[in-house]
Structures are given as C-alpha cells and as structure tokens.
Amino acid sequence: MVSNLNKKQKREFSPQKFFLKIGGILFLIIAVVLIFVNFQMFKKKQQLALQIEDYKKQIEELESRGKILKEEIINSDNPDYIEKIAREESDMQKPGEKVVSFVEQNPQQKEVQTQEDLWNSNFWFSWIGQSWNWLLDKF
C-alpha cells in the first residue's frame, strides 16, 4: 500500500501532456462550434431558396398581369372591347335589356356555414319537425 502511495506522489507535471490535453479540448470545442455554424448556414440557405422560389412565382404573376394590362391598353380604343368590359365588370346594359347577376358563395364560406348549421339547435328542431310531418303524411 505504501508503494501505491509513492507511485501516485511521483506523478509529476508534464507540460507536453498538459498542452496536448488543452489542445484536444480546444479542437473539440472548435469542431462543435463549426458544426453548429454550418447547420445554421444550411438552414438559412434553405430559407433563402424558398424565398427565391416565392419571388420567382411573384415575378411570373406580375409579368402575366403586365401582359394582360398591355392587351387591355391596346384594346382600349376598340368599341367592342369597351362594350364587353362594361357588360361583364360593371353590369351595364343597353336600353331595353335586363341584366341578371348571380352571386356565388365562396366554398369555404359554405363549409363554415354547414358546420355552424350542424351545431345550431334550430336546425335540428326544424329537421325533426319536417321528418315528423313527412312521416305523418306518409302514414
């Protein structure tokens, strides 16, 4: 037991081993930091790529809208085109004509209204009443 104690006490400070350990720890810290930074750059690159795609779509939409506007400007002197736009967009009519307009509900609004109807007690009471009246009429 005395010999083990002497061996432990004989360990001396070695500057080479100390600097080697410190260098290894620093290397690991730098590697972890670089990996983290690389991952952040990768995420940012993906975000920027998505933004570029969105901007390309917006550019295409604006170019197509620009073409439509150019065609409308070219046709602005054409009386037939002016009449068409007046009838379609402004619901104008010639003397003696009647204009009928149909207004459609947005499909999303229909779905919301249907969902609201399912939870409405008046809806269920009227449905039961109509079903009861139908049964009485049949029998």
N, C-alpha and C. Protein backbone atom coordinates (compact mmCIF):
# COMPACT_ATOMS: atom_id res chain seq x y z
N MET A 1 0.80 -1.17 0.00
CA MET A 1 0.00 0.00 0.00
C MET A 1 0.87 1.26 0.00
N VAL A 2 1.95 1.20 0.65
CA VAL A 2 2.88 2.32 0.68
C VAL A 2 3.47 2.56 -0.70
N SER A 3 3.68 1.51 -1.45
CA SER A 3 4.25 1.65 -2.77
C SER A 3 3.27 2.35 -3.72
N ASN A 4 1.94 2.07 -3.58
CA ASN A 4 0.96 2.75 -4.41
C ASN A 4 0.92 4.24 -4.11
N LEU A 5 1.06 4.58 -2.86
CA LEU A 5 1.04 5.98 -2.47
C LEU A 5 2.27 6.70 -3.03
N ASN A 6 3.38 6.03 -3.02
CA ASN A 6 4.59 6.63 -3.57
C ASN A 6 4.48 6.83 -5.09
N LYS A 7 3.82 5.88 -5.78
CA LYS A 7 3.66 6.00 -7.23
C LYS A 7 2.77 7.19 -7.57
N LYS A 8 1.71 7.36 -6.74
CA LYS A 8 0.81 8.49 -7.00
C LYS A 8 1.52 9.81 -6.76
N GLN A 9 2.37 9.85 -5.77
CA GLN A 9 3.07 11.08 -5.47
C GLN A 9 4.17 11.36 -6.50
N LYS A 10 4.65 10.32 -7.15
CA LYS A 10 5.71 10.51 -8.11
C LYS A 10 5.23 11.11 -9.43
N ARG A 11 3.91 11.16 -9.64
CA ARG A 11 3.42 11.78 -10.87
C ARG A 11 3.81 13.24 -10.87
N GLU A 12 4.47 13.59 -11.89
CA GLU A 12 4.93 14.96 -11.98
C GLU A 12 4.18 15.67 -13.09
N PHE A 13 4.19 16.96 -13.00
CA PHE A 13 3.54 17.78 -14.01
C PHE A 13 4.34 17.73 -15.30
N SER A 14 3.63 17.36 -16.39
CA SER A 14 4.29 17.29 -17.68
C SER A 14 3.66 18.32 -18.60
N PRO A 15 4.41 19.36 -18.96
CA PRO A 15 3.84 20.41 -19.81
C PRO A 15 3.39 19.89 -21.17
N GLN A 16 4.05 18.89 -21.71
CA GLN A 16 3.66 18.35 -23.02
C GLN A 16 2.28 17.71 -22.95
N LYS A 17 2.05 16.89 -21.92
CA LYS A 17 0.73 16.25 -21.78
C LYS A 17 -0.35 17.29 -21.51
N PHE A 18 -0.02 18.29 -20.69
CA PHE A 18 -0.99 19.34 -20.36
C PHE A 18 -1.41 20.08 -21.62
N PHE A 19 -0.45 20.53 -22.42
CA PHE A 19 -0.76 21.26 -23.64
C PHE A 19 -1.46 20.37 -24.67
N LEU A 20 -1.16 19.09 -24.68
CA LEU A 20 -1.83 18.15 -25.57
C LEU A 20 -3.30 18.01 -25.20
N LYS A 21 -3.56 17.91 -23.89
CA LYS A 21 -4.96 17.82 -23.44
C LYS A 21 -5.71 19.12 -23.73
N ILE A 22 -5.11 20.24 -23.43
CA ILE A 22 -5.74 21.54 -23.70
C ILE A 22 -5.99 21.70 -25.20
N GLY A 23 -5.01 21.30 -26.02
CA GLY A 23 -5.17 21.38 -27.48
C GLY A 23 -6.31 20.49 -27.95
N GLY A 24 -6.45 19.29 -27.41
CA GLY A 24 -7.54 18.40 -27.79
C GLY A 24 -8.90 18.96 -27.40
N ILE A 25 -8.97 19.54 -26.21
CA ILE A 25 -10.24 20.15 -25.77
C ILE A 25 -10.59 21.33 -26.66
N LEU A 26 -9.62 22.18 -26.97
CA LEU A 26 -9.87 23.32 -27.86
C LEU A 26 -10.30 22.85 -29.25
N PHE A 27 -9.67 21.80 -29.74
CA PHE A 27 -10.04 21.25 -31.05
C PHE A 27 -11.50 20.78 -31.04
N LEU A 28 -11.91 20.08 -29.98
CA LEU A 28 -13.30 19.62 -29.89
C LEU A 28 -14.27 20.79 -29.81
N ILE A 29 -13.92 21.80 -29.03
CA ILE A 29 -14.80 22.98 -28.92
C ILE A 29 -14.94 23.67 -30.27
N ILE A 30 -13.84 23.85 -30.96
CA ILE A 30 -13.87 24.49 -32.28
C ILE A 30 -14.68 23.65 -33.27
N ALA A 31 -14.51 22.33 -33.22
CA ALA A 31 -15.26 21.44 -34.13
C ALA A 31 -16.75 21.55 -33.87
N VAL A 32 -17.16 21.57 -32.61
CA VAL A 32 -18.59 21.68 -32.27
C VAL A 32 -19.14 23.02 -32.74
N VAL A 33 -18.38 24.09 -32.52
CA VAL A 33 -18.82 25.42 -32.95
C VAL A 33 -18.96 25.46 -34.47
N LEU A 34 -17.99 24.90 -35.18
CA LEU A 34 -18.06 24.90 -36.65
C LEU A 34 -19.25 24.08 -37.15
N ILE A 35 -19.52 22.96 -36.51
CA ILE A 35 -20.68 22.14 -36.91
C ILE A 35 -21.97 22.93 -36.68
N PHE A 36 -22.08 23.60 -35.55
CA PHE A 36 -23.27 24.40 -35.25
C PHE A 36 -23.45 25.52 -36.27
N VAL A 37 -22.35 26.23 -36.57
CA VAL A 37 -22.41 27.32 -37.55
C VAL A 37 -22.78 26.78 -38.92
N ASN A 38 -22.24 25.65 -39.30
CA ASN A 38 -22.56 25.04 -40.59
C ASN A 38 -24.04 24.69 -40.67
N PHE A 39 -24.59 24.15 -39.60
CA PHE A 39 -26.01 23.81 -39.57
C PHE A 39 -26.88 25.07 -39.70
N GLN A 40 -26.49 26.13 -39.01
CA GLN A 40 -27.23 27.40 -39.11
C GLN A 40 -27.19 27.94 -40.53
N MET A 41 -26.03 27.84 -41.17
CA MET A 41 -25.91 28.31 -42.55
C MET A 41 -26.77 27.47 -43.49
N PHE A 42 -26.84 26.18 -43.25
CA PHE A 42 -27.66 25.30 -44.07
C PHE A 42 -29.13 25.68 -43.96
N LYS A 43 -29.59 25.92 -42.73
CA LYS A 43 -30.99 26.32 -42.54
C LYS A 43 -31.27 27.66 -43.23
N LYS A 44 -30.37 28.60 -43.11
CA LYS A 44 -30.54 29.90 -43.74
C LYS A 44 -30.57 29.77 -45.26
N LYS A 45 -29.73 28.88 -45.80
CA LYS A 45 -29.69 28.65 -47.25
C LYS A 45 -31.04 28.10 -47.73
N GLN A 46 -31.62 27.18 -46.96
CA GLN A 46 -32.93 26.63 -47.34
C GLN A 46 -34.00 27.72 -47.31
N GLN A 47 -33.97 28.56 -46.29
CA GLN A 47 -34.95 29.65 -46.22
C GLN A 47 -34.82 30.59 -47.41
N LEU A 48 -33.59 30.92 -47.74
CA LEU A 48 -33.37 31.81 -48.87
C LEU A 48 -33.80 31.17 -50.19
N ALA A 49 -33.59 29.87 -50.33
CA ALA A 49 -34.03 29.17 -51.54
C ALA A 49 -35.55 29.23 -51.66
N LEU A 50 -36.25 29.06 -50.55
CA LEU A 50 -37.72 29.15 -50.57
C LEU A 50 -38.16 30.57 -50.93
N GLN A 51 -37.47 31.56 -50.40
CA GLN A 51 -37.81 32.94 -50.73
C GLN A 51 -37.59 33.20 -52.22
N ILE A 52 -36.51 32.66 -52.76
CA ILE A 52 -36.23 32.85 -54.19
C ILE A 52 -37.36 32.25 -55.03
N GLU A 53 -37.82 31.06 -54.66
CA GLU A 53 -38.93 30.42 -55.39
C GLU A 53 -40.19 31.27 -55.31
N ASP A 54 -40.48 31.80 -54.13
CA ASP A 54 -41.65 32.67 -53.98
C ASP A 54 -41.53 33.92 -54.85
N TYR A 55 -40.33 34.51 -54.86
CA TYR A 55 -40.13 35.69 -55.68
C TYR A 55 -40.25 35.38 -57.17
N LYS A 56 -39.78 34.20 -57.59
CA LYS A 56 -39.93 33.81 -58.99
C LYS A 56 -41.40 33.68 -59.36
N LYS A 57 -42.20 33.09 -58.47
CA LYS A 57 -43.64 32.97 -58.73
C LYS A 57 -44.28 34.34 -58.81
N GLN A 58 -43.90 35.23 -57.90
CA GLN A 58 -44.46 36.58 -57.93
C GLN A 58 -44.08 37.30 -59.22
N ILE A 59 -42.85 37.11 -59.67
CA ILE A 59 -42.42 37.74 -60.92
C ILE A 59 -43.24 37.21 -62.09
N GLU A 60 -43.46 35.89 -62.14
CA GLU A 60 -44.26 35.31 -63.22
C GLU A 60 -45.68 35.86 -63.20
N GLU A 61 -46.27 35.97 -62.00
CA GLU A 61 -47.63 36.51 -61.90
C GLU A 61 -47.67 37.96 -62.34
N LEU A 62 -46.68 38.74 -61.93
CA LEU A 62 -46.65 40.14 -62.33
C LEU A 62 -46.43 40.30 -63.83
N GLU A 63 -45.59 39.44 -64.42
CA GLU A 63 -45.37 39.51 -65.86
C GLU A 63 -46.64 39.16 -66.62
N SER A 64 -47.37 38.12 -66.15
CA SER A 64 -48.61 37.77 -66.84
C SER A 64 -49.65 38.88 -66.67
N ARG A 65 -49.70 39.48 -65.47
CA ARG A 65 -50.62 40.60 -65.25
C ARG A 65 -50.24 41.78 -66.13
N GLY A 66 -48.92 42.00 -66.30
CA GLY A 66 -48.46 43.08 -67.17
C GLY A 66 -48.88 42.84 -68.62
N LYS A 67 -48.79 41.59 -69.08
CA LYS A 67 -49.23 41.27 -70.45
C LYS A 67 -50.72 41.54 -70.62
N ILE A 68 -51.51 41.14 -69.61
CA ILE A 68 -52.96 41.38 -69.67
C ILE A 68 -53.24 42.87 -69.73
N LEU A 69 -52.55 43.65 -68.89
CA LEU A 69 -52.75 45.10 -68.89
C LEU A 69 -52.35 45.73 -70.22
N LYS A 70 -51.26 45.24 -70.82
CA LYS A 70 -50.85 45.76 -72.13
C LYS A 70 -51.91 45.47 -73.18
N GLU A 71 -52.48 44.26 -73.14
CA GLU A 71 -53.55 43.92 -74.09
C GLU A 71 -54.77 44.80 -73.86
N GLU A 72 -55.08 45.07 -72.59
CA GLU A 72 -56.22 45.94 -72.32
C GLU A 72 -55.98 47.35 -72.81
N ILE A 73 -54.74 47.82 -72.66
CA ILE A 73 -54.41 49.17 -73.16
C ILE A 73 -54.53 49.21 -74.67
N ILE A 74 -54.03 48.16 -75.34
CA ILE A 74 -54.13 48.12 -76.80
C ILE A 74 -55.59 48.10 -77.24
N ASN A 75 -56.43 47.35 -76.53
CA ASN A 75 -57.84 47.23 -76.89
C ASN A 75 -58.71 48.36 -76.35
N SER A 76 -58.12 49.32 -75.67
CA SER A 76 -58.94 50.37 -75.05
C SER A 76 -59.64 51.26 -76.08
N ASP A 77 -59.18 51.27 -77.31
CA ASP A 77 -59.82 52.06 -78.36
C ASP A 77 -60.88 51.26 -79.11
N ASN A 78 -60.94 49.96 -78.91
CA ASN A 78 -61.88 49.08 -79.60
C ASN A 78 -63.26 49.17 -78.94
N PRO A 79 -64.28 49.62 -79.68
CA PRO A 79 -65.63 49.75 -79.09
C PRO A 79 -66.23 48.42 -78.62
N ASP A 80 -65.94 47.33 -79.34
CA ASP A 80 -66.46 46.02 -78.93
C ASP A 80 -65.87 45.60 -77.58
N TYR A 81 -64.58 45.87 -77.41
CA TYR A 81 -63.93 45.51 -76.16
C TYR A 81 -64.47 46.36 -75.00
N ILE A 82 -64.68 47.63 -75.26
CA ILE A 82 -65.23 48.52 -74.23
C ILE A 82 -66.62 48.05 -73.83
N GLU A 83 -67.43 47.66 -74.81
CA GLU A 83 -68.77 47.16 -74.51
C GLU A 83 -68.70 45.86 -73.68
N LYS A 84 -67.80 44.98 -74.05
CA LYS A 84 -67.63 43.72 -73.32
C LYS A 84 -67.27 43.98 -71.86
N ILE A 85 -66.30 44.84 -71.63
CA ILE A 85 -65.87 45.15 -70.26
C ILE A 85 -67.02 45.82 -69.49
N ALA A 86 -67.73 46.72 -70.14
CA ALA A 86 -68.85 47.40 -69.47
C ALA A 86 -69.93 46.40 -69.06
N ARG A 87 -70.20 45.42 -69.89
CA ARG A 87 -71.22 44.42 -69.57
C ARG A 87 -70.75 43.47 -68.47
N GLU A 88 -69.50 42.99 -68.58
CA GLU A 88 -69.02 41.97 -67.64
C GLU A 88 -68.66 42.53 -66.27
N GLU A 89 -67.97 43.65 -66.23
CA GLU A 89 -67.45 44.15 -64.97
C GLU A 89 -68.37 45.17 -64.30
N SER A 90 -69.10 45.92 -65.07
CA SER A 90 -69.94 46.97 -64.48
C SER A 90 -71.42 46.63 -64.53
N ASP A 91 -71.78 45.49 -65.10
CA ASP A 91 -73.18 45.08 -65.25
C ASP A 91 -74.02 46.15 -65.94
N MET A 92 -73.43 46.78 -66.95
CA MET A 92 -74.17 47.79 -67.70
C MET A 92 -75.00 47.08 -68.77
N GLN A 93 -75.98 47.80 -69.28
CA GLN A 93 -76.87 47.22 -70.27
C GLN A 93 -77.27 48.27 -71.31
N LYS A 94 -77.70 47.75 -72.42
CA LYS A 94 -78.25 48.63 -73.44
C LYS A 94 -79.70 48.92 -73.08
N PRO A 95 -80.24 49.99 -73.62
CA PRO A 95 -81.66 50.27 -73.34
C PRO A 95 -82.54 49.11 -73.79
N GLY A 96 -83.44 48.66 -72.91
CA GLY A 96 -84.34 47.55 -73.22
C GLY A 96 -83.82 46.20 -72.76
N GLU A 97 -82.58 46.11 -72.36
CA GLU A 97 -82.02 44.85 -71.88
C GLU A 97 -82.14 44.78 -70.36
N LYS A 98 -82.15 43.56 -69.87
CA LYS A 98 -82.14 43.34 -68.42
C LYS A 98 -80.89 42.54 -68.07
N VAL A 99 -80.26 42.92 -66.98
CA VAL A 99 -79.04 42.24 -66.55
C VAL A 99 -79.38 41.38 -65.34
N VAL A 100 -78.93 40.14 -65.40
CA VAL A 100 -79.11 39.22 -64.28
C VAL A 100 -77.72 38.86 -63.76
N SER A 101 -77.52 39.05 -62.47
CA SER A 101 -76.23 38.73 -61.86
C SER A 101 -76.42 37.61 -60.85
N PHE A 102 -75.49 36.69 -60.87
CA PHE A 102 -75.51 35.59 -59.91
C PHE A 102 -74.33 35.77 -58.96
N VAL A 103 -74.62 35.67 -57.69
CA VAL A 103 -73.58 35.79 -56.68
C VAL A 103 -73.43 34.44 -56.03
N GLU A 104 -72.22 33.89 -56.13
CA GLU A 104 -71.96 32.58 -55.54
C GLU A 104 -71.24 32.76 -54.22
N GLN A 105 -71.57 31.86 -53.30
CA GLN A 105 -70.86 31.87 -52.04
C GLN A 105 -69.51 31.21 -52.22
N ASN A 106 -68.55 31.70 -51.50
CA ASN A 106 -67.22 31.10 -51.50
C ASN A 106 -67.34 29.69 -50.93
N PRO A 107 -66.69 28.67 -51.52
CA PRO A 107 -66.79 27.30 -50.98
C PRO A 107 -66.38 27.20 -49.51
N GLN A 108 -65.43 28.00 -49.10
CA GLN A 108 -65.02 27.98 -47.69
C GLN A 108 -66.15 28.51 -46.81
N GLN A 109 -66.86 29.53 -47.29
CA GLN A 109 -67.98 30.07 -46.52
C GLN A 109 -69.09 29.04 -46.42
N LYS A 110 -69.33 28.28 -47.50
CA LYS A 110 -70.35 27.24 -47.46
C LYS A 110 -70.00 26.19 -46.42
N GLU A 111 -68.72 25.79 -46.37
CA GLU A 111 -68.29 24.78 -45.42
C GLU A 111 -68.46 25.28 -43.99
N VAL A 112 -68.10 26.53 -43.74
CA VAL A 112 -68.23 27.09 -42.40
C VAL A 112 -69.70 27.17 -42.02
N GLN A 113 -70.54 27.58 -42.97
CA GLN A 113 -71.97 27.68 -42.70
C GLN A 113 -72.55 26.30 -42.41
N THR A 114 -72.14 25.27 -43.16
CA THR A 114 -72.61 23.91 -42.92
C THR A 114 -72.20 23.44 -41.54
N GLN A 115 -70.97 23.72 -41.15
CA GLN A 115 -70.51 23.31 -39.82
C GLN A 115 -71.29 24.04 -38.73
N GLU A 116 -71.59 25.33 -38.96
CA GLU A 116 -72.37 26.08 -37.97
C GLU A 116 -73.78 25.52 -37.89
N ASP A 117 -74.37 25.13 -39.03
CA ASP A 117 -75.72 24.58 -39.03
C ASP A 117 -75.80 23.29 -38.23
N LEU A 118 -74.76 22.47 -38.26
CA LEU A 118 -74.79 21.21 -37.54
C LEU A 118 -74.88 21.42 -36.04
N TRP A 119 -74.36 22.51 -35.53
CA TRP A 119 -74.39 22.77 -34.10
C TRP A 119 -75.55 23.68 -33.70
N ASN A 120 -76.34 24.12 -34.66
CA ASN A 120 -77.46 25.00 -34.38
C ASN A 120 -78.68 24.17 -33.99
N SER A 121 -79.24 24.42 -32.81
CA SER A 121 -80.38 23.64 -32.32
C SER A 121 -81.62 23.88 -33.17
N ASN A 122 -81.79 25.10 -33.70
CA ASN A 122 -82.94 25.37 -34.56
C ASN A 122 -82.92 24.50 -35.81
N PHE A 123 -81.73 24.27 -36.33
CA PHE A 123 -81.57 23.41 -37.49
C PHE A 123 -82.08 22.01 -37.18
N TRP A 124 -81.69 21.46 -36.03
CA TRP A 124 -82.10 20.11 -35.67
C TRP A 124 -83.59 20.03 -35.35
N PHE A 125 -84.12 21.02 -34.66
CA PHE A 125 -85.56 21.01 -34.36
C PHE A 125 -86.38 21.10 -35.63
N SER A 126 -85.96 21.94 -36.57
CA SER A 126 -86.71 22.03 -37.82
C SER A 126 -86.59 20.73 -38.62
N TRP A 127 -85.43 20.11 -38.61
CA TRP A 127 -85.25 18.84 -39.32
C TRP A 127 -86.13 17.75 -38.72
N ILE A 128 -86.17 17.67 -37.39
CA ILE A 128 -87.02 16.67 -36.73
C ILE A 128 -88.49 16.95 -37.02
N GLY A 129 -88.87 18.24 -36.98
CA GLY A 129 -90.26 18.59 -37.28
C GLY A 129 -90.64 18.24 -38.71
N GLN A 130 -89.75 18.51 -39.65
CA GLN A 130 -90.03 18.18 -41.05
C GLN A 130 -90.09 16.67 -41.24
N SER A 131 -89.21 15.95 -40.57
CA SER A 131 -89.23 14.49 -40.67
C SER A 131 -90.52 13.93 -40.07
N TRP A 132 -90.95 14.47 -38.95
CA TRP A 132 -92.19 14.03 -38.31
C TRP A 132 -93.39 14.30 -39.20
N ASN A 133 -93.45 15.49 -39.79
CA ASN A 133 -94.55 15.83 -40.71
C ASN A 133 -94.54 14.92 -41.93
N TRP A 134 -93.37 14.58 -42.42
CA TRP A 134 -93.28 13.69 -43.57
C TRP A 134 -93.81 12.30 -43.20
N LEU A 135 -93.45 11.82 -42.01
CA LEU A 135 -93.96 10.51 -41.56
C LEU A 135 -95.47 10.53 -41.41
N LEU A 136 -96.00 11.62 -40.85
CA LEU A 136 -97.46 11.70 -40.68
C LEU A 136 -98.17 11.74 -42.04
N ASP A 137 -97.59 12.42 -43.01
CA ASP A 137 -98.19 12.46 -44.34
C ASP A 137 -98.16 11.09 -45.02
N LYS A 138 -97.10 10.32 -44.80
CA LYS A 138 -96.98 9.00 -45.43
C LYS A 138 -97.91 7.98 -44.81
N PHE A 139 -98.16 8.07 -43.52
CA PHE A 139 -98.98 7.05 -42.84
C PHE A 139 -100.26 7.67 -42.47
